[in-house]
């Protein structure tokens, strides 16, 4: 089974490079602590297609913002909690988060957790 933690980040375009440089070390903390994978997806084509609506429209993205997506994968809920517990003990976490928080406020971050159905029968 796979368990995913998904983050949507509203990033000011002018800060996108700094955002990536601030987030990558935090993602590495999670990978080093046992996260199966942590992937950052940059925006490419955000227009509405295939009869669907545009995601930026759905979250009222400002014209000067980009929508970035992070997907962290874990074995299950307990594995995710174990990894988070290990990361929380890392002495570098506070320093890395403070740098990240200067770029993205909590009001610009959306989070949800998802469980894979394909492993269930």
PDB file of N, CA and C in Angstrom:
ATOM      1  N   UNK A   1       0.848  -1.174   0.000  1.00  0.00           N
ATOM      2  CA  UNK A   1       0.000   0.000   0.000  1.00  0.00           C
ATOM      3  C   UNK A   1       0.891   1.233   0.000  1.00  0.00           C
ATOM      4  N   UNK A   2       0.413   2.296  -0.565  1.00  0.00           N
ATOM      5  CA  UNK A   2       1.130   3.576  -0.551  1.00  0.00           C
ATOM      6  C   UNK A   2       0.277   4.614   0.150  1.00  0.00           C
ATOM      7  N   UNK A   3       0.947   5.452   0.894  1.00  0.00           N
ATOM      8  CA  UNK A   3       0.288   6.539   1.600  1.00  0.00           C
ATOM      9  C   UNK A   3       1.020   7.812   1.205  1.00  0.00           C
ATOM     10  N   UNK A   4       0.300   8.793   0.706  1.00  0.00           N
ATOM     11  CA  UNK A   4       0.926  10.012   0.198  1.00  0.00           C
ATOM     12  C   UNK A   4       0.477  11.236   0.966  1.00  0.00           C
ATOM     13  N   UNK A   5       1.430  12.094   1.205  1.00  0.00           N
ATOM     14  CA  UNK A   5       1.174  13.403   1.778  1.00  0.00           C
ATOM     15  C   UNK A   5       1.415  14.403   0.651  1.00  0.00           C
ATOM     16  N   UNK A   6       0.380  15.172   0.297  1.00  0.00           N
ATOM     17  CA  UNK A   6       0.449  16.073  -0.846  1.00  0.00           C
ATOM     18  C   UNK A   6       0.335  17.515  -0.370  1.00  0.00           C
ATOM     19  N   UNK A   7       1.255  18.346  -0.858  1.00  0.00           N
ATOM     20  CA  UNK A   7       1.250  19.771  -0.542  1.00  0.00           C
ATOM     21  C   UNK A   7       1.126  20.563  -1.828  1.00  0.00           C
ATOM     22  N   UNK A   8       0.267  21.562  -1.835  1.00  0.00           N
ATOM     23  CA  UNK A   8       0.167  22.521  -2.929  1.00  0.00           C
ATOM     24  C   UNK A   8       0.712  23.840  -2.395  1.00  0.00           C
ATOM     25  N   UNK A   9       1.661  24.407  -3.113  1.00  0.00           N
ATOM     26  CA  UNK A   9       2.292  25.657  -2.688  1.00  0.00           C
ATOM     27  C   UNK A   9       1.983  26.765  -3.684  1.00  0.00           C
ATOM     28  N   UNK A  10       1.489  27.875  -3.183  1.00  0.00           N
ATOM     29  CA  UNK A  10       1.294  29.069  -3.994  1.00  0.00           C
ATOM     30  C   UNK A  10       2.563  29.901  -3.843  1.00  0.00           C
ATOM     31  N   UNK A  11       3.368  29.932  -4.889  1.00  0.00           N
ATOM     32  CA  UNK A  11       4.686  30.557  -4.818  1.00  0.00           C
ATOM     33  C   UNK A  11       4.730  31.798  -5.711  1.00  0.00           C
ATOM     34  N   UNK A  12       5.106  32.947  -5.157  1.00  0.00           N
ATOM     35  CA  UNK A  12       5.296  34.118  -6.018  1.00  0.00           C
ATOM     36  C   UNK A  12       6.353  33.798  -7.087  1.00  0.00           C
ATOM     37  N   UNK A  13       6.059  34.128  -8.320  1.00  0.00           N
ATOM     38  CA  UNK A  13       6.974  33.794  -9.423  1.00  0.00           C
ATOM     39  C   UNK A  13       8.398  34.266  -9.153  1.00  0.00           C
ATOM     40  N   UNK A  14       8.539  35.449  -8.615  1.00  0.00           N
ATOM     41  CA  UNK A  14       9.866  36.013  -8.382  1.00  0.00           C
ATOM     42  C   UNK A  14      10.645  35.261  -7.301  1.00  0.00           C
ATOM     43  N   UNK A  15       9.942  34.424  -6.523  1.00  0.00           N
ATOM     44  CA  UNK A  15      10.590  33.678  -5.446  1.00  0.00           C
ATOM     45  C   UNK A  15      10.707  32.179  -5.744  1.00  0.00           C
ATOM     46  N   UNK A  16      10.364  31.755  -6.969  1.00  0.00           N
ATOM     47  CA  UNK A  16      10.319  30.315  -7.246  1.00  0.00           C
ATOM     48  C   UNK A  16      11.685  29.638  -7.102  1.00  0.00           C
ATOM     49  N   UNK A  17      12.747  30.263  -7.558  1.00  0.00           N
ATOM     50  CA  UNK A  17      14.073  29.655  -7.433  1.00  0.00           C
ATOM     51  C   UNK A  17      14.479  29.541  -5.965  1.00  0.00           C
ATOM     52  N   UNK A  18      14.241  30.586  -5.202  1.00  0.00           N
ATOM     53  CA  UNK A  18      14.554  30.562  -3.768  1.00  0.00           C
ATOM     54  C   UNK A  18      13.695  29.523  -3.051  1.00  0.00           C
ATOM     55  N   UNK A  19      12.439  29.372  -3.477  1.00  0.00           N
ATOM     56  CA  UNK A  19      11.537  28.371  -2.907  1.00  0.00           C
ATOM     57  C   UNK A  19      12.115  26.963  -3.066  1.00  0.00           C
ATOM     58  N   UNK A  20      12.570  26.647  -4.272  1.00  0.00           N
ATOM     59  CA  UNK A  20      13.145  25.324  -4.535  1.00  0.00           C
ATOM     60  C   UNK A  20      14.377  25.101  -3.667  1.00  0.00           C
ATOM     61  N   UNK A  21      15.241  26.106  -3.580  1.00  0.00           N
ATOM     62  CA  UNK A  21      16.460  25.975  -2.775  1.00  0.00           C
ATOM     63  C   UNK A  21      16.152  25.837  -1.286  1.00  0.00           C
ATOM     64  N   UNK A  22      15.053  26.411  -0.830  1.00  0.00           N
ATOM     65  CA  UNK A  22      14.674  26.306   0.585  1.00  0.00           C
ATOM     66  C   UNK A  22      13.971  24.980   0.890  1.00  0.00           C
ATOM     67  N   UNK A  23      13.189  24.469  -0.057  1.00  0.00           N
ATOM     68  CA  UNK A  23      12.418  23.249   0.186  1.00  0.00           C
ATOM     69  C   UNK A  23      13.247  21.976   0.018  1.00  0.00           C
ATOM     70  N   UNK A  24      14.157  21.941  -0.932  1.00  0.00           N
ATOM     71  CA  UNK A  24      14.927  20.715  -1.211  1.00  0.00           C
ATOM     72  C   UNK A  24      15.643  20.158   0.024  1.00  0.00           C
ATOM     73  N   UNK A  25      16.301  20.972   0.859  1.00  0.00           N
ATOM     74  CA  UNK A  25      16.946  20.403   2.053  1.00  0.00           C
ATOM     75  C   UNK A  25      15.948  19.813   3.053  1.00  0.00           C
ATOM     76  N   UNK A  26      14.754  20.387   3.136  1.00  0.00           N
ATOM     77  CA  UNK A  26      13.719  19.841   4.019  1.00  0.00           C
ATOM     78  C   UNK A  26      13.261  18.489   3.478  1.00  0.00           C
ATOM     79  N   UNK A  27      13.079  18.404   2.179  1.00  0.00           N
ATOM     80  CA  UNK A  27      12.686  17.142   1.553  1.00  0.00           C
ATOM     81  C   UNK A  27      13.756  16.073   1.804  1.00  0.00           C
ATOM     82  N   UNK A  28      15.017  16.465   1.759  1.00  0.00           N
ATOM     83  CA  UNK A  28      16.108  15.512   2.001  1.00  0.00           C
ATOM     84  C   UNK A  28      16.060  14.981   3.427  1.00  0.00           C
ATOM     85  N   UNK A  29      15.677  15.820   4.391  1.00  0.00           N
ATOM     86  CA  UNK A  29      15.525  15.345   5.775  1.00  0.00           C
ATOM     87  C   UNK A  29      14.523  14.197   5.831  1.00  0.00           C
ATOM     88  N   UNK A  30      13.420  14.332   5.102  1.00  0.00           N
ATOM     89  CA  UNK A  30      12.389  13.292   5.090  1.00  0.00           C
ATOM     90  C   UNK A  30      12.890  12.025   4.395  1.00  0.00           C
ATOM     91  N   UNK A  31      13.591  12.193   3.293  1.00  0.00           N
ATOM     92  CA  UNK A  31      14.132  11.021   2.599  1.00  0.00           C
ATOM     93  C   UNK A  31      15.168  10.306   3.462  1.00  0.00           C
ATOM     94  N   UNK A  32      16.025  11.083   4.136  1.00  0.00           N
ATOM     95  CA  UNK A  32      17.035  10.496   5.022  1.00  0.00           C
ATOM     96  C   UNK A  32      16.400   9.777   6.209  1.00  0.00           C
ATOM     97  N   UNK A  33      15.195  10.218   6.595  1.00  0.00           N
ATOM     98  CA  UNK A  33      14.500   9.608   7.732  1.00  0.00           C
ATOM     99  C   UNK A  33      13.655   8.400   7.317  1.00  0.00           C
ATOM    100  N   UNK A  34      13.641   8.062   6.018  1.00  0.00           N
ATOM    101  CA  UNK A  34      12.932   6.856   5.593  1.00  0.00           C
ATOM    102  C   UNK A  34      11.735   7.052   4.695  1.00  0.00           C
ATOM    103  N   UNK A  35      11.412   8.289   4.335  1.00  0.00           N
ATOM    104  CA  UNK A  35      10.329   8.529   3.379  1.00  0.00           C
ATOM    105  C   UNK A  35      10.656   7.763   2.092  1.00  0.00           C
ATOM    106  N   UNK A  36       9.683   7.066   1.515  1.00  0.00           N
ATOM    107  CA  UNK A  36       9.932   6.272   0.312  1.00  0.00           C
ATOM    108  C   UNK A  36      10.383   7.139  -0.852  1.00  0.00           C
ATOM    109  N   UNK A  37       9.758   8.285  -1.005  1.00  0.00           N
ATOM    110  CA  UNK A  37      10.160   9.269  -2.011  1.00  0.00           C
ATOM    111  C   UNK A  37       9.499  10.591  -1.681  1.00  0.00           C
ATOM    112  N   UNK A  38      10.118  11.657  -2.126  1.00  0.00           N
ATOM    113  CA  UNK A  38       9.562  12.997  -1.940  1.00  0.00           C
ATOM    114  C   UNK A  38       9.844  13.749  -3.229  1.00  0.00           C
ATOM    115  N   UNK A  39       8.794  14.034  -3.963  1.00  0.00           N
ATOM    116  CA  UNK A  39       8.927  14.597  -5.303  1.00  0.00           C
ATOM    117  C   UNK A  39       8.332  15.991  -5.356  1.00  0.00           C
ATOM    118  N   UNK A  40       9.056  16.907  -5.993  1.00  0.00           N
ATOM    119  CA  UNK A  40       8.579  18.270  -6.187  1.00  0.00           C
ATOM    120  C   UNK A  40       8.254  18.450  -7.662  1.00  0.00           C
ATOM    121  N   UNK A  41       7.036  18.887  -7.944  1.00  0.00           N
ATOM    122  CA  UNK A  41       6.573  19.083  -9.318  1.00  0.00           C
ATOM    123  C   UNK A  41       6.422  20.570  -9.596  1.00  0.00           C
ATOM    124  N   UNK A  42       7.109  21.036 -10.644  1.00  0.00           N
ATOM    125  CA  UNK A  42       6.991  22.442 -11.006  1.00  0.00           C
ATOM    126  C   UNK A  42       5.870  22.618 -12.015  1.00  0.00           C
ATOM    127  N   UNK A  43       5.270  23.790 -12.072  1.00  0.00           N
ATOM    128  CA  UNK A  43       4.168  24.010 -13.010  1.00  0.00           C
ATOM    129  C   UNK A  43       4.661  24.002 -14.456  1.00  0.00           C
ATOM    130  N   UNK A  44       3.880  23.419 -15.294  1.00  0.00           N
ATOM    131  CA  UNK A  44       4.215  23.356 -16.718  1.00  0.00           C
ATOM    132  C   UNK A  44       3.077  23.983 -17.522  1.00  0.00           C
ATOM    133  N   UNK A  45       1.976  23.267 -17.648  1.00  0.00           N
ATOM    134  CA  UNK A  45       0.805  23.776 -18.358  1.00  0.00           C
ATOM    135  C   UNK A  45      -0.380  23.650 -17.409  1.00  0.00           C
ATOM    136  N   UNK A  46      -0.860  24.739 -16.919  1.00  0.00           N
ATOM    137  CA  UNK A  46      -1.921  24.731 -15.916  1.00  0.00           C
ATOM    138  C   UNK A  46      -3.291  25.078 -16.513  1.00  0.00           C
ATOM    139  N   UNK A  47      -3.386  25.069 -17.831  1.00  0.00           N
ATOM    140  CA  UNK A  47      -4.664  25.413 -18.459  1.00  0.00           C
ATOM    141  C   UNK A  47      -5.662  24.271 -18.297  1.00  0.00           C
ATOM    142  N   UNK A  48      -6.938  24.627 -18.398  1.00  0.00           N
ATOM    143  CA  UNK A  48      -7.977  23.596 -18.287  1.00  0.00           C
ATOM    144  C   UNK A  48      -7.999  22.774 -19.573  1.00  0.00           C
ATOM    145  N   UNK A  49      -8.153  21.459 -19.403  1.00  0.00           N
ATOM    146  CA  UNK A  49      -8.180  20.541 -20.546  1.00  0.00           C
ATOM    147  C   UNK A  49      -9.068  19.355 -20.231  1.00  0.00           C
ATOM    148  N   UNK A  50      -9.402  18.623 -21.242  1.00  0.00           N
ATOM    149  CA  UNK A  50     -10.128  17.351 -21.118  1.00  0.00           C
ATOM    150  C   UNK A  50     -11.450  17.513 -20.361  1.00  0.00           C
ATOM    151  N   UNK A  51     -12.069  18.671 -20.506  1.00  0.00           N
ATOM    152  CA  UNK A  51     -13.351  18.926 -19.868  1.00  0.00           C
ATOM    153  C   UNK A  51     -13.250  19.305 -18.407  1.00  0.00           C
ATOM    154  N   UNK A  52     -12.032  19.426 -17.883  1.00  0.00           N
ATOM    155  CA  UNK A  52     -11.835  19.794 -16.482  1.00  0.00           C
ATOM    156  C   UNK A  52     -11.552  21.278 -16.324  1.00  0.00           C
ATOM    157  N   UNK A  53     -11.619  21.726 -15.107  1.00  0.00           N
ATOM    158  CA  UNK A  53     -11.318  23.115 -14.794  1.00  0.00           C
ATOM    159  C   UNK A  53      -9.835  23.273 -14.498  1.00  0.00           C
ATOM    160  N   UNK A  54      -9.359  24.479 -14.561  1.00  0.00           N
ATOM    161  CA  UNK A  54      -7.970  24.790 -14.253  1.00  0.00           C
ATOM    162  C   UNK A  54      -7.760  24.796 -12.746  1.00  0.00           C
ATOM    163  N   UNK A  55      -6.744  24.097 -12.286  1.00  0.00           N
ATOM    164  CA  UNK A  55      -6.438  24.052 -10.853  1.00  0.00           C
ATOM    165  C   UNK A  55      -6.124  25.440 -10.285  1.00  0.00           C
ATOM    166  N   UNK A  56      -5.339  26.276 -10.970  1.00  0.00           N
ATOM    167  CA  UNK A  56      -5.106  27.623 -10.440  1.00  0.00           C
ATOM    168  C   UNK A  56      -6.406  28.415 -10.245  1.00  0.00           C
ATOM    169  N   UNK A  57      -7.368  28.226 -11.133  1.00  0.00           N
ATOM    170  CA  UNK A  57      -8.658  28.901 -10.958  1.00  0.00           C
ATOM    171  C   UNK A  57      -9.386  28.375  -9.722  1.00  0.00           C
ATOM    172  N   UNK A  58      -9.273  27.076  -9.480  1.00  0.00           N
ATOM    173  CA  UNK A  58      -9.979  26.456  -8.356  1.00  0.00           C
ATOM    174  C   UNK A  58      -9.476  26.977  -7.010  1.00  0.00           C
ATOM    175  N   UNK A  59      -8.193  27.331  -6.930  1.00  0.00           N
ATOM    176  CA  UNK A  59      -7.665  27.843  -5.653  1.00  0.00           C
ATOM    177  C   UNK A  59      -7.425  29.346  -5.698  1.00  0.00           C
ATOM    178  N   UNK A  60      -7.932  29.994  -6.733  1.00  0.00           N
ATOM    179  CA  UNK A  60      -7.821  31.447  -6.890  1.00  0.00           C
ATOM    180  C   UNK A  60      -6.367  31.910  -6.857  1.00  0.00           C
ATOM    181  N   UNK A  61      -5.535  31.261  -7.661  1.00  0.00           N
ATOM    182  CA  UNK A  61      -4.125  31.613  -7.771  1.00  0.00           C
ATOM    183  C   UNK A  61      -4.004  33.016  -8.349  1.00  0.00           C
ATOM    184  N   UNK A  62      -3.170  33.823  -7.749  1.00  0.00           N
ATOM    185  CA  UNK A  62      -2.941  35.184  -8.245  1.00  0.00           C
ATOM    186  C   UNK A  62      -2.110  35.124  -9.528  1.00  0.00           C
ATOM    187  N   UNK A  63      -2.171  36.156 -10.344  1.00  0.00           N
ATOM    188  CA  UNK A  63      -1.437  36.159 -11.618  1.00  0.00           C
ATOM    189  C   UNK A  63       0.073  36.140 -11.415  1.00  0.00           C
ATOM    190  N   UNK A  64       0.552  36.604 -10.269  1.00  0.00           N
ATOM    191  CA  UNK A  64       2.000  36.614 -10.018  1.00  0.00           C
ATOM    192  C   UNK A  64       2.464  35.373  -9.253  1.00  0.00           C
ATOM    193  N   UNK A  65       1.593  34.353  -9.116  1.00  0.00           N
ATOM    194  CA  UNK A  65       1.926  33.130  -8.386  1.00  0.00           C
ATOM    195  C   UNK A  65       1.991  31.924  -9.324  1.00  0.00           C
ATOM    196  N   UNK A  66       2.777  30.932  -8.887  1.00  0.00           N
ATOM    197  CA  UNK A  66       2.824  29.637  -9.554  1.00  0.00           C
ATOM    198  C   UNK A  66       2.360  28.585  -8.557  1.00  0.00           C
ATOM    199  N   UNK A  67       1.809  27.503  -9.055  1.00  0.00           N
ATOM    200  CA  UNK A  67       1.372  26.406  -8.203  1.00  0.00           C
ATOM    201  C   UNK A  67       2.376  25.265  -8.306  1.00  0.00           C
ATOM    202  N   UNK A  68       3.035  24.953  -7.195  1.00  0.00           N
ATOM    203  CA  UNK A  68       3.995  23.860  -7.112  1.00  0.00           C
ATOM    204  C   UNK A  68       3.370  22.750  -6.279  1.00  0.00           C
ATOM    205  N   UNK A  69       3.725  21.501  -6.569  1.00  0.00           N
ATOM    206  CA  UNK A  69       3.160  20.353  -5.855  1.00  0.00           C
ATOM    207  C   UNK A  69       4.288  19.482  -5.323  1.00  0.00           C
ATOM    208  N   UNK A  70       4.159  19.095  -4.057  1.00  0.00           N
ATOM    209  CA  UNK A  70       5.091  18.153  -3.441  1.00  0.00           C
ATOM    210  C   UNK A  70       4.312  16.903  -3.063  1.00  0.00           C
ATOM    211  N   UNK A  71       4.856  15.735  -3.416  1.00  0.00           N
ATOM    212  CA  UNK A  71       4.220  14.467  -3.069  1.00  0.00           C
ATOM    213  C   UNK A  71       5.240  13.610  -2.328  1.00  0.00           C
ATOM    214  N   UNK A  72       4.967  13.372  -1.047  1.00  0.00           N
ATOM    215  CA  UNK A  72       5.825  12.506  -0.228  1.00  0.00           C
ATOM    216  C   UNK A  72       5.120  11.170  -0.069  1.00  0.00           C
ATOM    217  N   UNK A  73       5.847  10.077  -0.318  1.00  0.00           N
ATOM    218  CA  UNK A  73       5.245   8.739  -0.275  1.00  0.00           C
ATOM    219  C   UNK A  73       5.786   7.945   0.918  1.00  0.00           C
ATOM    220  N   UNK A  74       4.860   7.248   1.563  1.00  0.00           N
ATOM    221  CA  UNK A  74       5.177   6.429   2.730  1.00  0.00           C
ATOM    222  C   UNK A  74       4.513   5.066   2.557  1.00  0.00           C
ATOM    223  N   UNK A  75       4.902   4.094   3.371  1.00  0.00           N
ATOM    224  CA  UNK A  75       4.293   2.756   3.313  1.00  0.00           C
ATOM    225  C   UNK A  75       2.839   2.801   3.767  1.00  0.00           C
ATOM    226  N   UNK A  76       2.588   3.510   4.860  1.00  0.00           N
ATOM    227  CA  UNK A  76       1.254   3.615   5.444  1.00  0.00           C
ATOM    228  C   UNK A  76       1.268   4.760   6.454  1.00  0.00           C
ATOM    229  N   UNK A  77       0.157   4.950   7.155  1.00  0.00           N
ATOM    230  CA  UNK A  77       0.044   6.047   8.118  1.00  0.00           C
ATOM    231  C   UNK A  77       1.082   5.954   9.223  1.00  0.00           C
ATOM    232  N   UNK A  78       1.295   4.765   9.757  1.00  0.00           N
ATOM    233  CA  UNK A  78       2.253   4.627  10.858  1.00  0.00           C
ATOM    234  C   UNK A  78       3.673   4.931  10.383  1.00  0.00           C
ATOM    235  N   UNK A  79       4.002   4.528   9.173  1.00  0.00           N
ATOM    236  CA  UNK A  79       5.320   4.844   8.617  1.00  0.00           C
ATOM    237  C   UNK A  79       5.487   6.358   8.489  1.00  0.00           C
ATOM    238  N   UNK A  80       4.445   7.052   8.027  1.00  0.00           N
ATOM    239  CA  UNK A  80       4.505   8.504   7.903  1.00  0.00           C
ATOM    240  C   UNK A  80       4.759   9.143   9.268  1.00  0.00           C
ATOM    241  N   UNK A  81       4.066   8.671  10.283  1.00  0.00           N
ATOM    242  CA  UNK A  81       4.242   9.227  11.628  1.00  0.00           C
ATOM    243  C   UNK A  81       5.648   8.967  12.157  1.00  0.00           C
ATOM    244  N   UNK A  82       6.198   7.780  11.879  1.00  0.00           N
ATOM    245  CA  UNK A  82       7.571   7.462  12.291  1.00  0.00           C
ATOM    246  C   UNK A  82       8.568   8.415  11.640  1.00  0.00           C
ATOM    247  N   UNK A  83       8.408   8.633  10.341  1.00  0.00           N
ATOM    248  CA  UNK A  83       9.314   9.523   9.612  1.00  0.00           C
ATOM    249  C   UNK A  83       9.204  10.942  10.158  1.00  0.00           C
ATOM    250  N   UNK A  84       7.980  11.422  10.357  1.00  0.00           N
ATOM    251  CA  UNK A  84       7.786  12.775  10.889  1.00  0.00           C
ATOM    252  C   UNK A  84       8.413  12.913  12.275  1.00  0.00           C
ATOM    253  N   UNK A  85       8.300  11.886  13.076  1.00  0.00           N
ATOM    254  CA  UNK A  85       8.892  11.911  14.416  1.00  0.00           C
ATOM    255  C   UNK A  85      10.413  12.029  14.335  1.00  0.00           C
ATOM    256  N   UNK A  86      11.019  11.287  13.438  1.00  0.00           N
ATOM    257  CA  UNK A  86      12.473  11.353  13.260  1.00  0.00           C
ATOM    258  C   UNK A  86      12.901  12.731  12.760  1.00  0.00           C
ATOM    259  N   UNK A  87      12.173  13.280  11.801  1.00  0.00           N
ATOM    260  CA  UNK A  87      12.506  14.595  11.248  1.00  0.00           C
ATOM    261  C   UNK A  87      12.354  15.674  12.318  1.00  0.00           C
ATOM    262  N   UNK A  88      11.328  15.562  13.143  1.00  0.00           N
ATOM    263  CA  UNK A  88      11.094  16.557  14.193  1.00  0.00           C
ATOM    264  C   UNK A  88      12.267  16.637  15.170  1.00  0.00           C
ATOM    265  N   UNK A  89      13.006  15.559  15.314  1.00  0.00           N
ATOM    266  CA  UNK A  89      14.154  15.526  16.221  1.00  0.00           C
ATOM    267  C   UNK A  89      15.430  16.061  15.579  1.00  0.00           C
ATOM    268  N   UNK A  90      15.398  16.312  14.294  1.00  0.00           N
ATOM    269  CA  UNK A  90      16.595  16.764  13.586  1.00  0.00           C
ATOM    270  C   UNK A  90      16.906  18.211  13.971  1.00  0.00           C
ATOM    271  N   UNK A  91      18.129  18.482  14.424  1.00  0.00           N
ATOM    272  CA  UNK A  91      18.478  19.840  14.861  1.00  0.00           C
ATOM    273  C   UNK A  91      18.469  20.870  13.722  1.00  0.00           C
ATOM    274  N   UNK A  92      18.532  20.442  12.479  1.00  0.00           N
ATOM    275  CA  UNK A  92      18.528  21.378  11.344  1.00  0.00           C
ATOM    276  C   UNK A  92      17.133  21.813  10.921  1.00  0.00           C
ATOM    277  N   UNK A  93      16.113  21.120  11.398  1.00  0.00           N
ATOM    278  CA  UNK A  93      14.754  21.372  10.923  1.00  0.00           C
ATOM    279  C   UNK A  93      14.308  22.815  11.162  1.00  0.00           C
ATOM    280  N   UNK A  94      14.490  23.331  12.350  1.00  0.00           N
ATOM    281  CA  UNK A  94      14.006  24.685  12.665  1.00  0.00           C
ATOM    282  C   UNK A  94      14.678  25.727  11.770  1.00  0.00           C
ATOM    283  N   UNK A  95      15.980  25.606  11.584  1.00  0.00           N
ATOM    284  CA  UNK A  95      16.715  26.550  10.735  1.00  0.00           C
ATOM    285  C   UNK A  95      16.211  26.482   9.296  1.00  0.00           C
ATOM    286  N   UNK A  96      16.032  25.267   8.781  1.00  0.00           N
ATOM    287  CA  UNK A  96      15.567  25.107   7.410  1.00  0.00           C
ATOM    288  C   UNK A  96      14.143  25.617   7.234  1.00  0.00           C
ATOM    289  N   UNK A  97      13.292  25.352   8.208  1.00  0.00           N
ATOM    290  CA  UNK A  97      11.904  25.813   8.125  1.00  0.00           C
ATOM    291  C   UNK A  97      11.800  27.324   8.216  1.00  0.00           C
ATOM    292  N   UNK A  98      12.629  27.943   9.025  1.00  0.00           N
ATOM    293  CA  UNK A  98      12.552  29.404   9.142  1.00  0.00           C
ATOM    294  C   UNK A  98      12.900  30.064   7.812  1.00  0.00           C
ATOM    295  N   UNK A  99      13.848  29.504   7.094  1.00  0.00           N
ATOM    296  CA  UNK A  99      14.209  30.013   5.771  1.00  0.00           C
ATOM    297  C   UNK A  99      13.058  29.814   4.784  1.00  0.00           C
ATOM    298  N   UNK A 100      12.441  28.649   4.839  1.00  0.00           N
ATOM    299  CA  UNK A 100      11.308  28.331   3.978  1.00  0.00           C
ATOM    300  C   UNK A 100      10.104  29.239   4.294  1.00  0.00           C
ATOM    301  N   UNK A 101       9.838  29.446   5.587  1.00  0.00           N
ATOM    302  CA  UNK A 101       8.683  30.243   6.008  1.00  0.00           C
ATOM    303  C   UNK A 101       8.773  31.703   5.558  1.00  0.00           C
ATOM    304  N   UNK A 102       9.978  32.201   5.333  1.00  0.00           N
ATOM    305  CA  UNK A 102      10.130  33.563   4.828  1.00  0.00           C
ATOM    306  C   UNK A 102       9.607  33.692   3.397  1.00  0.00           C
ATOM    307  N   UNK A 103       9.588  32.588   2.681  1.00  0.00           N
ATOM    308  CA  UNK A 103       9.163  32.603   1.281  1.00  0.00           C
ATOM    309  C   UNK A 103       7.683  32.281   1.107  1.00  0.00           C
ATOM    310  N   UNK A 104       7.171  31.366   1.926  1.00  0.00           N
ATOM    311  CA  UNK A 104       5.800  30.877   1.769  1.00  0.00           C
ATOM    312  C   UNK A 104       5.087  30.949   3.116  1.00  0.00           C
ATOM    313  N   UNK A 105       4.032  31.710   3.181  1.00  0.00           N
ATOM    314  CA  UNK A 105       3.259  31.748   4.421  1.00  0.00           C
ATOM    315  C   UNK A 105       2.321  30.549   4.461  1.00  0.00           C
ATOM    316  N   UNK A 106       1.857  30.174   5.657  1.00  0.00           N
ATOM    317  CA  UNK A 106       0.935  29.057   5.816  1.00  0.00           C
ATOM    318  C   UNK A 106      -0.343  29.232   5.026  1.00  0.00           C
ATOM    319  N   UNK A 107      -0.696  30.464   4.730  1.00  0.00           N
ATOM    320  CA  UNK A 107      -1.909  30.724   3.960  1.00  0.00           C
ATOM    321  C   UNK A 107      -1.732  30.390   2.487  1.00  0.00           C
ATOM    322  N   UNK A 108      -0.522  30.062   2.083  1.00  0.00           N
ATOM    323  CA  UNK A 108      -0.234  29.737   0.688  1.00  0.00           C
ATOM    324  C   UNK A 108       0.084  28.255   0.512  1.00  0.00           C
ATOM    325  N   UNK A 109      -0.173  27.463   1.554  1.00  0.00           N
ATOM    326  CA  UNK A 109       0.129  26.025   1.513  1.00  0.00           C
ATOM    327  C   UNK A 109      -1.149  25.241   1.793  1.00  0.00           C
ATOM    328  N   UNK A 110      -1.408  24.238   0.964  1.00  0.00           N
ATOM    329  CA  UNK A 110      -2.556  23.344   1.148  1.00  0.00           C
ATOM    330  C   UNK A 110      -2.004  21.941   1.344  1.00  0.00           C
ATOM    331  N   UNK A 111      -2.640  21.153   2.196  1.00  0.00           N
ATOM    332  CA  UNK A 111      -2.141  19.811   2.488  1.00  0.00           C
ATOM    333  C   UNK A 111      -3.291  18.816   2.539  1.00  0.00           C
ATOM    334  N   UNK A 112      -3.021  17.606   2.060  1.00  0.00           N
ATOM    335  CA  UNK A 112      -3.981  16.504   2.166  1.00  0.00           C
ATOM    336  C   UNK A 112      -3.194  15.201   2.127  1.00  0.00           C
ATOM    337  N   UNK A 113      -3.782  14.164   2.698  1.00  0.00           N
ATOM    338  CA  UNK A 113      -3.162  12.842   2.680  1.00  0.00           C
ATOM    339  C   UNK A 113      -4.065  11.885   1.917  1.00  0.00           C
ATOM    340  N   UNK A 114      -3.427  10.987   1.151  1.00  0.00           N
ATOM    341  CA  UNK A 114      -4.154  10.057   0.305  1.00  0.00           C
ATOM    342  C   UNK A 114      -3.599   8.657   0.484  1.00  0.00           C
ATOM    343  N   UNK A 115      -4.478   7.674   0.364  1.00  0.00           N
ATOM    344  CA  UNK A 115      -4.083   6.274   0.458  1.00  0.00           C
ATOM    345  C   UNK A 115      -4.356   5.606  -0.883  1.00  0.00           C
ATOM    346  N   UNK A 116      -3.414   4.807  -1.352  1.00  0.00           N
ATOM    347  CA  UNK A 116      -3.570   4.096  -2.609  1.00  0.00           C
ATOM    348  C   UNK A 116      -4.617   2.993  -2.471  1.00  0.00           C
ATOM    349  N   UNK A 117      -5.480   2.870  -3.456  1.00  0.00           N
ATOM    350  CA  UNK A 117      -6.491   1.816  -3.460  1.00  0.00           C
ATOM    351  C   UNK A 117      -6.023   0.567  -4.197  1.00  0.00           C
ATOM    352  N   UNK A 118      -5.043   0.686  -5.062  1.00  0.00           N
ATOM    353  CA  UNK A 118      -4.632  -0.461  -5.875  1.00  0.00           C
ATOM    354  C   UNK A 118      -4.057  -1.590  -5.042  1.00  0.00           C
ATOM    355  N   UNK A 119      -3.533  -1.304  -3.870  1.00  0.00           N
ATOM    356  CA  UNK A 119      -2.973  -2.365  -3.033  1.00  0.00           C
ATOM    357  C   UNK A 119      -4.058  -3.089  -2.245  1.00  0.00           C
ATOM    358  N   UNK A 120      -5.232  -2.501  -2.171  1.00  0.00           N
ATOM    359  CA  UNK A 120      -6.347  -3.130  -1.451  1.00  0.00           C
ATOM    360  C   UNK A 120      -7.183  -3.958  -2.384  1.00  0.00           C
ATOM    361  N   UNK A 121      -7.667  -5.080  -1.925  1.00  0.00           N
ATOM    362  CA  UNK A 121      -8.514  -5.922  -2.786  1.00  0.00           C
ATOM    363  C   UNK A 121      -9.881  -6.094  -2.173  1.00  0.00           C
TER     364      UNK A 121
END
